[in-house]
Amino acid sequence: MISRMRKTRVNPLEIVQDNAFIWIKKRKIVPHEFVLEALADLSPRTNPMFGCLAVYVADKIALILRDRSSNTADNGVWLATTEEHHESLRREFPNMRSIRLLGKKGTGWQVLPVDAPDFEESALRACELILNGDYRIGKVPKAKRRKRAR
């Protein structure tokens, strides 16, 4: 008769407790957190994107919050919009401009720069427009491509 050897099991909780410092992950600071607070009634969701924080409302990407140490001229609140709405939005946000990082002369994305004198006021006004369902801010992201089966 073959005897079965009993395997010793380690309680995973013991490992976590003994090496807790390994499992603790430093939480990143949310740039321009007041924007998320202003949109709280819409239950926005966020997703890291390009070292920034994308803000989604329902099925649309509405904003990207950026506060990076490189290319600081584009720090601020990025508005997801289209070129056809730039002129009307510029009347509401005189300091809004195209994002320089994107390199193109004109893009759908626009930035409310953090170094503008009216930055917080403009960012909160953009939140107000989103809360009121303004069609000029927000884009439905393109569907992700499916991976081909090999």
N, C-alpha and C. Protein backbone atom coordinates (compact mmCIF):
# COMPACT_ATOMS: atom_id res chain seq x y z
N MET A 1 0.84 -1.17 0.00
CA MET A 1 0.00 0.00 0.00
C MET A 1 0.89 1.24 0.00
N ILE A 2 0.56 2.19 -0.89
CA ILE A 2 1.35 3.42 -0.99
C ILE A 2 0.74 4.44 -0.05
N SER A 3 1.57 5.00 0.78
CA SER A 3 1.05 6.02 1.69
C SER A 3 1.08 7.39 0.99
N ARG A 4 0.08 8.12 1.23
CA ARG A 4 0.02 9.46 0.66
C ARG A 4 0.67 10.44 1.62
N MET A 5 1.57 11.22 1.07
CA MET A 5 2.22 12.21 1.90
C MET A 5 1.37 13.47 1.91
N ARG A 6 1.21 14.01 3.03
CA ARG A 6 0.43 15.22 3.16
C ARG A 6 1.31 16.41 2.81
N LYS A 7 0.81 17.26 1.90
CA LYS A 7 1.57 18.44 1.52
C LYS A 7 1.27 19.57 2.50
N THR A 8 2.31 20.25 2.85
CA THR A 8 2.13 21.39 3.74
C THR A 8 1.70 22.58 2.91
N ARG A 9 0.65 23.24 3.33
CA ARG A 9 0.16 24.41 2.62
C ARG A 9 0.49 25.65 3.43
N VAL A 10 0.84 26.66 2.71
CA VAL A 10 1.11 27.94 3.37
C VAL A 10 -0.13 28.79 3.25
N ASN A 11 -0.52 29.38 4.34
CA ASN A 11 -1.67 30.27 4.33
C ASN A 11 -1.28 31.56 3.61
N PRO A 12 -1.96 31.88 2.51
CA PRO A 12 -1.59 33.08 1.76
C PRO A 12 -1.68 34.36 2.59
N LEU A 13 -2.56 34.37 3.58
CA LEU A 13 -2.67 35.55 4.42
C LEU A 13 -1.40 35.77 5.24
N GLU A 14 -0.77 34.67 5.64
CA GLU A 14 0.47 34.80 6.41
C GLU A 14 1.56 35.45 5.55
N ILE A 15 1.63 35.07 4.30
CA ILE A 15 2.65 35.64 3.41
C ILE A 15 2.40 37.14 3.25
N VAL A 16 1.17 37.50 3.03
CA VAL A 16 0.84 38.92 2.85
C VAL A 16 1.15 39.70 4.10
N GLN A 17 0.82 39.14 5.26
CA GLN A 17 1.08 39.84 6.50
C GLN A 17 2.58 39.97 6.76
N ASP A 18 3.34 38.93 6.50
CA ASP A 18 4.77 38.99 6.75
C ASP A 18 5.49 39.92 5.78
N ASN A 19 5.02 39.99 4.55
CA ASN A 19 5.66 40.81 3.53
C ASN A 19 4.72 41.89 3.02
N ALA A 20 3.96 42.49 3.90
CA ALA A 20 2.95 43.45 3.49
C ALA A 20 3.54 44.61 2.69
N PHE A 21 4.74 45.00 3.03
CA PHE A 21 5.35 46.13 2.32
C PHE A 21 5.54 45.85 0.84
N ILE A 22 5.61 44.60 0.44
CA ILE A 22 5.77 44.24 -0.97
C ILE A 22 4.47 44.47 -1.74
N TRP A 23 3.35 44.25 -1.10
CA TRP A 23 2.07 44.28 -1.79
C TRP A 23 1.42 45.66 -1.82
N ILE A 24 1.92 46.58 -1.06
CA ILE A 24 1.33 47.91 -1.03
C ILE A 24 1.80 48.69 -2.23
N LYS A 25 0.86 49.19 -3.00
CA LYS A 25 1.18 49.94 -4.19
C LYS A 25 0.85 51.41 -3.93
N LYS A 26 1.78 52.25 -4.25
CA LYS A 26 1.57 53.68 -4.05
C LYS A 26 0.50 54.18 -5.01
N ARG A 27 -0.48 54.87 -4.48
CA ARG A 27 -1.56 55.41 -5.29
C ARG A 27 -1.09 56.68 -5.99
N LYS A 28 -1.38 56.75 -7.28
CA LYS A 28 -0.99 57.92 -8.05
C LYS A 28 -1.93 59.07 -7.72
N ILE A 29 -1.40 60.26 -7.80
CA ILE A 29 -2.20 61.46 -7.54
C ILE A 29 -3.05 61.74 -8.76
N VAL A 30 -4.31 62.02 -8.53
CA VAL A 30 -5.23 62.36 -9.62
C VAL A 30 -5.01 63.82 -9.98
N PRO A 31 -4.62 64.10 -11.23
CA PRO A 31 -4.44 65.50 -11.60
C PRO A 31 -5.78 66.22 -11.69
N HIS A 32 -5.82 67.45 -11.21
CA HIS A 32 -7.01 68.29 -11.30
C HIS A 32 -8.26 67.57 -10.79
N GLU A 33 -8.14 67.03 -9.59
CA GLU A 33 -9.19 66.19 -9.00
C GLU A 33 -10.52 66.93 -8.87
N PHE A 34 -10.48 68.25 -8.78
CA PHE A 34 -11.71 69.03 -8.65
C PHE A 34 -12.65 68.81 -9.85
N VAL A 35 -12.08 68.43 -11.00
CA VAL A 35 -12.89 68.16 -12.19
C VAL A 35 -13.75 66.91 -11.95
N LEU A 36 -13.17 65.87 -11.39
CA LEU A 36 -13.93 64.66 -11.08
C LEU A 36 -15.02 64.93 -10.04
N GLU A 37 -14.69 65.77 -9.08
CA GLU A 37 -15.67 66.13 -8.06
C GLU A 37 -16.85 66.87 -8.70
N ALA A 38 -16.56 67.75 -9.66
CA ALA A 38 -17.62 68.51 -10.33
C ALA A 38 -18.52 67.61 -11.17
N LEU A 39 -17.97 66.52 -11.68
CA LEU A 39 -18.73 65.59 -12.53
C LEU A 39 -19.33 64.41 -11.75
N ALA A 40 -19.20 64.42 -10.44
CA ALA A 40 -19.59 63.28 -9.61
C ALA A 40 -21.03 62.83 -9.84
N ASP A 41 -21.95 63.76 -10.12
CA ASP A 41 -23.35 63.38 -10.34
C ASP A 41 -23.54 62.47 -11.54
N LEU A 42 -22.60 62.49 -12.49
CA LEU A 42 -22.69 61.64 -13.68
C LEU A 42 -21.95 60.32 -13.51
N SER A 43 -21.37 60.10 -12.34
CA SER A 43 -20.59 58.88 -12.05
C SER A 43 -19.56 58.61 -13.14
N PRO A 44 -18.64 59.54 -13.34
CA PRO A 44 -17.64 59.33 -14.39
C PRO A 44 -16.72 58.17 -14.02
N ARG A 45 -16.19 57.51 -15.05
CA ARG A 45 -15.19 56.48 -14.78
C ARG A 45 -13.88 56.99 -15.38
N THR A 46 -12.79 56.51 -14.85
CA THR A 46 -11.48 56.97 -15.31
C THR A 46 -10.66 55.78 -15.78
N ASN A 47 -9.69 56.11 -16.63
CA ASN A 47 -8.81 55.09 -17.15
C ASN A 47 -7.46 55.75 -17.45
N PRO A 48 -6.34 55.16 -17.03
CA PRO A 48 -5.05 55.74 -17.39
C PRO A 48 -4.87 55.72 -18.91
N MET A 49 -4.35 56.81 -19.45
CA MET A 49 -4.14 56.90 -20.89
C MET A 49 -2.98 57.84 -21.16
N PHE A 50 -1.95 57.33 -21.81
CA PHE A 50 -0.78 58.12 -22.20
C PHE A 50 -0.14 58.84 -21.00
N GLY A 51 -0.15 58.24 -19.83
CA GLY A 51 0.41 58.86 -18.65
C GLY A 51 -0.48 59.94 -18.06
N CYS A 52 -1.71 59.99 -18.52
CA CYS A 52 -2.69 60.96 -18.05
C CYS A 52 -3.89 60.18 -17.51
N LEU A 53 -4.99 60.87 -17.27
CA LEU A 53 -6.19 60.21 -16.76
C LEU A 53 -7.37 60.58 -17.66
N ALA A 54 -7.89 59.59 -18.38
CA ALA A 54 -9.04 59.81 -19.25
C ALA A 54 -10.31 59.73 -18.40
N VAL A 55 -11.26 60.62 -18.70
CA VAL A 55 -12.52 60.67 -17.97
C VAL A 55 -13.64 60.35 -18.95
N TYR A 56 -14.40 59.30 -18.63
CA TYR A 56 -15.51 58.85 -19.46
C TYR A 56 -16.81 59.16 -18.74
N VAL A 57 -17.79 59.63 -19.53
CA VAL A 57 -19.14 59.86 -19.02
C VAL A 57 -20.06 59.05 -19.93
N ALA A 58 -20.74 58.10 -19.34
CA ALA A 58 -21.56 57.15 -20.10
C ALA A 58 -20.66 56.44 -21.11
N ASP A 59 -21.00 56.49 -22.38
CA ASP A 59 -20.21 55.77 -23.39
C ASP A 59 -19.20 56.67 -24.09
N LYS A 60 -19.03 57.90 -23.62
CA LYS A 60 -18.14 58.85 -24.29
C LYS A 60 -16.91 59.17 -23.45
N ILE A 61 -15.80 59.39 -24.16
CA ILE A 61 -14.64 59.98 -23.50
C ILE A 61 -14.86 61.49 -23.57
N ALA A 62 -14.81 62.14 -22.43
CA ALA A 62 -15.11 63.57 -22.38
C ALA A 62 -13.85 64.40 -22.19
N LEU A 63 -12.98 63.96 -21.31
CA LEU A 63 -11.82 64.76 -20.93
C LEU A 63 -10.61 63.87 -20.71
N ILE A 64 -9.45 64.50 -20.74
CA ILE A 64 -8.23 63.88 -20.24
C ILE A 64 -7.61 64.90 -19.30
N LEU A 65 -7.23 64.43 -18.12
CA LEU A 65 -6.60 65.29 -17.11
C LEU A 65 -5.10 65.04 -17.17
N ARG A 66 -4.34 66.11 -17.38
CA ARG A 66 -2.89 65.95 -17.58
C ARG A 66 -2.12 66.90 -16.68
N ASP A 67 -1.15 66.34 -15.95
CA ASP A 67 -0.22 67.12 -15.14
C ASP A 67 1.09 66.34 -15.11
N ARG A 68 1.90 66.54 -16.14
CA ARG A 68 3.15 65.81 -16.29
C ARG A 68 4.32 66.77 -16.18
N SER A 69 5.49 66.22 -15.89
CA SER A 69 6.68 67.05 -15.77
C SER A 69 7.34 67.32 -17.13
N SER A 70 6.96 66.56 -18.16
CA SER A 70 7.50 66.80 -19.49
C SER A 70 6.43 67.48 -20.35
N ASN A 71 6.87 68.31 -21.26
CA ASN A 71 5.94 69.04 -22.14
C ASN A 71 4.82 69.70 -21.34
N THR A 72 5.21 70.49 -20.38
CA THR A 72 4.25 71.09 -19.45
C THR A 72 3.28 72.06 -20.12
N ALA A 73 3.58 72.53 -21.30
CA ALA A 73 2.68 73.46 -21.99
C ALA A 73 1.32 72.82 -22.26
N ASP A 74 1.26 71.49 -22.35
CA ASP A 74 0.00 70.81 -22.61
C ASP A 74 -0.66 70.26 -21.36
N ASN A 75 -0.18 70.66 -20.18
CA ASN A 75 -0.84 70.26 -18.94
C ASN A 75 -2.16 71.02 -18.81
N GLY A 76 -3.13 70.36 -18.24
CA GLY A 76 -4.43 70.97 -18.04
C GLY A 76 -5.53 69.97 -18.28
N VAL A 77 -6.64 70.45 -18.79
CA VAL A 77 -7.80 69.61 -19.09
C VAL A 77 -7.97 69.57 -20.60
N TRP A 78 -7.87 68.37 -21.15
CA TRP A 78 -8.05 68.17 -22.59
C TRP A 78 -9.52 67.89 -22.84
N LEU A 79 -10.09 68.58 -23.83
CA LEU A 79 -11.49 68.40 -24.19
C LEU A 79 -11.58 67.51 -25.43
N ALA A 80 -12.39 66.48 -25.35
CA ALA A 80 -12.64 65.63 -26.51
C ALA A 80 -13.75 66.30 -27.31
N THR A 81 -13.40 66.78 -28.50
CA THR A 81 -14.36 67.48 -29.33
C THR A 81 -14.00 67.25 -30.79
N THR A 82 -14.63 67.96 -31.68
CA THR A 82 -14.30 67.86 -33.10
C THR A 82 -14.01 69.27 -33.62
N GLU A 83 -13.32 69.34 -34.74
CA GLU A 83 -12.91 70.64 -35.29
C GLU A 83 -14.10 71.53 -35.59
N GLU A 84 -15.23 70.97 -35.92
CA GLU A 84 -16.40 71.80 -36.23
C GLU A 84 -16.90 72.58 -35.02
N HIS A 85 -16.54 72.16 -33.81
CA HIS A 85 -17.00 72.84 -32.59
C HIS A 85 -15.95 73.78 -32.00
N HIS A 86 -14.78 73.85 -32.56
CA HIS A 86 -13.71 74.67 -31.98
C HIS A 86 -14.11 76.13 -31.87
N GLU A 87 -14.68 76.69 -32.91
CA GLU A 87 -15.01 78.12 -32.91
C GLU A 87 -16.01 78.46 -31.82
N SER A 88 -17.07 77.68 -31.70
CA SER A 88 -18.08 77.97 -30.68
C SER A 88 -17.53 77.75 -29.27
N LEU A 89 -16.68 76.73 -29.11
CA LEU A 89 -16.08 76.50 -27.79
C LEU A 89 -15.08 77.59 -27.44
N ARG A 90 -14.38 78.10 -28.45
CA ARG A 90 -13.39 79.15 -28.19
C ARG A 90 -14.06 80.43 -27.69
N ARG A 91 -15.30 80.65 -28.08
CA ARG A 91 -16.03 81.82 -27.55
C ARG A 91 -16.27 81.66 -26.05
N GLU A 92 -16.46 80.42 -25.60
CA GLU A 92 -16.67 80.17 -24.17
C GLU A 92 -15.35 80.04 -23.42
N PHE A 93 -14.32 79.57 -24.12
CA PHE A 93 -13.01 79.34 -23.51
C PHE A 93 -11.93 80.05 -24.33
N PRO A 94 -11.72 81.34 -24.11
CA PRO A 94 -10.78 82.09 -24.95
C PRO A 94 -9.34 81.57 -24.91
N ASN A 95 -8.95 80.89 -23.84
CA ASN A 95 -7.58 80.38 -23.72
C ASN A 95 -7.43 78.95 -24.23
N MET A 96 -8.50 78.35 -24.72
CA MET A 96 -8.45 77.00 -25.27
C MET A 96 -7.62 77.01 -26.55
N ARG A 97 -6.84 75.93 -26.75
CA ARG A 97 -6.02 75.83 -27.96
C ARG A 97 -5.79 74.37 -28.29
N SER A 98 -5.21 74.15 -29.47
CA SER A 98 -4.86 72.78 -29.87
C SER A 98 -3.72 72.26 -29.01
N ILE A 99 -3.65 70.97 -28.89
CA ILE A 99 -2.62 70.32 -28.08
C ILE A 99 -1.35 70.21 -28.92
N ARG A 100 -0.29 70.79 -28.45
CA ARG A 100 0.97 70.83 -29.20
C ARG A 100 1.61 69.45 -29.34
N LEU A 101 1.45 68.61 -28.35
CA LEU A 101 2.04 67.27 -28.38
C LEU A 101 1.56 66.45 -29.57
N LEU A 102 0.36 66.72 -30.02
CA LEU A 102 -0.22 65.93 -31.09
C LEU A 102 0.36 66.30 -32.45
N GLY A 103 1.07 67.44 -32.51
CA GLY A 103 1.86 67.78 -33.68
C GLY A 103 1.10 68.29 -34.88
N LYS A 104 -0.12 67.92 -35.04
CA LYS A 104 -0.88 68.36 -36.19
C LYS A 104 -1.30 69.81 -36.00
N LYS A 105 -1.56 70.47 -37.10
CA LYS A 105 -1.99 71.86 -37.01
C LYS A 105 -3.32 71.97 -36.29
N GLY A 106 -4.25 71.11 -36.61
CA GLY A 106 -5.55 71.11 -35.94
C GLY A 106 -5.95 69.69 -35.60
N THR A 107 -6.44 69.49 -34.40
CA THR A 107 -6.92 68.17 -33.98
C THR A 107 -8.28 68.35 -33.34
N GLY A 108 -8.97 67.27 -33.14
CA GLY A 108 -10.24 67.34 -32.43
C GLY A 108 -10.03 67.70 -30.97
N TRP A 109 -8.95 67.22 -30.40
CA TRP A 109 -8.65 67.49 -28.99
C TRP A 109 -8.19 68.93 -28.81
N GLN A 110 -8.67 69.54 -27.74
CA GLN A 110 -8.27 70.89 -27.37
C GLN A 110 -7.89 70.87 -25.90
N VAL A 111 -7.08 71.84 -25.48
CA VAL A 111 -6.64 71.89 -24.09
C VAL A 111 -7.05 73.21 -23.45
N LEU A 112 -7.47 73.10 -22.21
CA LEU A 112 -7.61 74.26 -21.34
C LEU A 112 -6.33 74.26 -20.53
N PRO A 113 -5.34 75.10 -20.90
CA PRO A 113 -4.02 75.00 -20.28
C PRO A 113 -4.03 75.41 -18.81
N VAL A 114 -3.28 74.66 -18.02
CA VAL A 114 -3.22 74.88 -16.57
C VAL A 114 -2.60 76.25 -16.24
N ASP A 115 -1.77 76.77 -17.14
CA ASP A 115 -1.13 78.06 -16.85
C ASP A 115 -1.97 79.26 -17.30
N ALA A 116 -3.17 79.03 -17.81
CA ALA A 116 -4.06 80.13 -18.17
C ALA A 116 -4.63 80.76 -16.90
N PRO A 117 -4.82 82.07 -16.90
CA PRO A 117 -5.32 82.73 -15.68
C PRO A 117 -6.72 82.27 -15.27
N ASP A 118 -7.50 81.75 -16.22
CA ASP A 118 -8.87 81.32 -15.92
C ASP A 118 -9.01 79.80 -15.93
N PHE A 119 -7.92 79.08 -15.67
CA PHE A 119 -7.93 77.62 -15.80
C PHE A 119 -9.05 76.95 -15.00
N GLU A 120 -9.08 77.17 -13.70
CA GLU A 120 -10.08 76.47 -12.87
C GLU A 120 -11.49 76.87 -13.26
N GLU A 121 -11.71 78.14 -13.52
CA GLU A 121 -13.03 78.62 -13.94
C GLU A 121 -13.44 77.94 -15.26
N SER A 122 -12.52 77.87 -16.21
CA SER A 122 -12.80 77.24 -17.50
C SER A 122 -13.05 75.74 -17.34
N ALA A 123 -12.25 75.08 -16.54
CA ALA A 123 -12.43 73.63 -16.32
C ALA A 123 -13.79 73.35 -15.70
N LEU A 124 -14.19 74.17 -14.74
CA LEU A 124 -15.49 73.98 -14.10
C LEU A 124 -16.63 74.31 -15.07
N ARG A 125 -16.41 75.28 -15.94
CA ARG A 125 -17.42 75.60 -16.97
C ARG A 125 -17.57 74.42 -17.94
N ALA A 126 -16.46 73.79 -18.30
CA ALA A 126 -16.51 72.61 -19.17
C ALA A 126 -17.30 71.50 -18.48
N CYS A 127 -17.09 71.32 -17.20
CA CYS A 127 -17.84 70.31 -16.43
C CYS A 127 -19.33 70.64 -16.44
N GLU A 128 -19.64 71.90 -16.30
CA GLU A 128 -21.04 72.34 -16.34
C GLU A 128 -21.67 72.00 -17.69
N LEU A 129 -20.94 72.24 -18.78
CA LEU A 129 -21.45 71.90 -20.11
C LEU A 129 -21.68 70.40 -20.23
N ILE A 130 -20.75 69.60 -19.71
CA ILE A 130 -20.90 68.14 -19.76
C ILE A 130 -22.11 67.70 -18.93
N LEU A 131 -22.26 68.28 -17.75
CA LEU A 131 -23.41 67.96 -16.89
C LEU A 131 -24.74 68.27 -17.58
N ASN A 132 -24.73 69.31 -18.42
CA ASN A 132 -25.95 69.70 -19.14
C ASN A 132 -26.10 68.98 -20.47
N GLY A 133 -25.21 68.03 -20.76
CA GLY A 133 -25.31 67.22 -21.96
C GLY A 133 -24.91 67.93 -23.24
N ASP A 134 -24.02 68.90 -23.15
CA ASP A 134 -23.57 69.63 -24.34
C ASP A 134 -22.94 68.67 -25.34
N TYR A 135 -23.46 68.66 -26.55
CA TYR A 135 -23.01 67.72 -27.58
C TYR A 135 -21.62 68.03 -28.11
N ARG A 136 -21.08 69.21 -27.81
CA ARG A 136 -19.77 69.60 -28.36
C ARG A 136 -18.61 68.94 -27.63
N ILE A 137 -18.84 68.46 -26.42
CA ILE A 137 -17.77 67.83 -25.64
C ILE A 137 -18.10 66.36 -25.44
N GLY A 138 -17.16 65.51 -25.86
CA GLY A 138 -17.31 64.07 -25.70
C GLY A 138 -17.37 63.37 -27.05
N LYS A 139 -16.69 62.25 -27.13
CA LYS A 139 -16.67 61.43 -28.34
C LYS A 139 -16.81 59.97 -27.93
N VAL A 140 -17.54 59.24 -28.74
CA VAL A 140 -17.61 57.79 -28.52
C VAL A 140 -16.33 57.21 -29.09
N PRO A 141 -15.54 56.52 -28.27
CA PRO A 141 -14.27 55.96 -28.77
C PRO A 141 -14.51 54.93 -29.86
N LYS A 142 -13.54 54.83 -30.76
CA LYS A 142 -13.62 53.81 -31.80
C LYS A 142 -13.55 52.44 -31.15
N ALA A 143 -14.22 51.49 -31.75
CA ALA A 143 -14.21 50.12 -31.22
C ALA A 143 -12.81 49.55 -31.32
N LYS A 144 -12.43 48.79 -30.32
CA LYS A 144 -11.12 48.16 -30.34
C LYS A 144 -11.11 47.04 -31.37
N ARG A 145 -9.98 46.89 -32.04
CA ARG A 145 -9.85 45.81 -33.01
C ARG A 145 -9.72 44.49 -32.29
N ARG A 146 -10.34 43.48 -32.86
CA ARG A 146 -10.19 42.13 -32.29
C ARG A 146 -8.91 41.53 -32.82
N LYS A 147 -8.27 40.75 -31.97
CA LYS A 147 -7.06 40.05 -32.40
C LYS A 147 -7.45 38.92 -33.33
N ARG A 148 -6.66 38.76 -34.37
CA ARG A 148 -6.92 37.68 -35.32
C ARG A 148 -6.50 36.34 -34.72
N ALA A 149 -7.29 35.34 -35.00
CA ALA A 149 -6.95 33.99 -34.56
C ALA A 149 -5.84 33.47 -35.45
N ARG A 150 -4.90 32.81 -34.85
CA ARG A 150 -3.75 32.28 -35.61
C ARG A 150 -4.02 30.92 -36.14
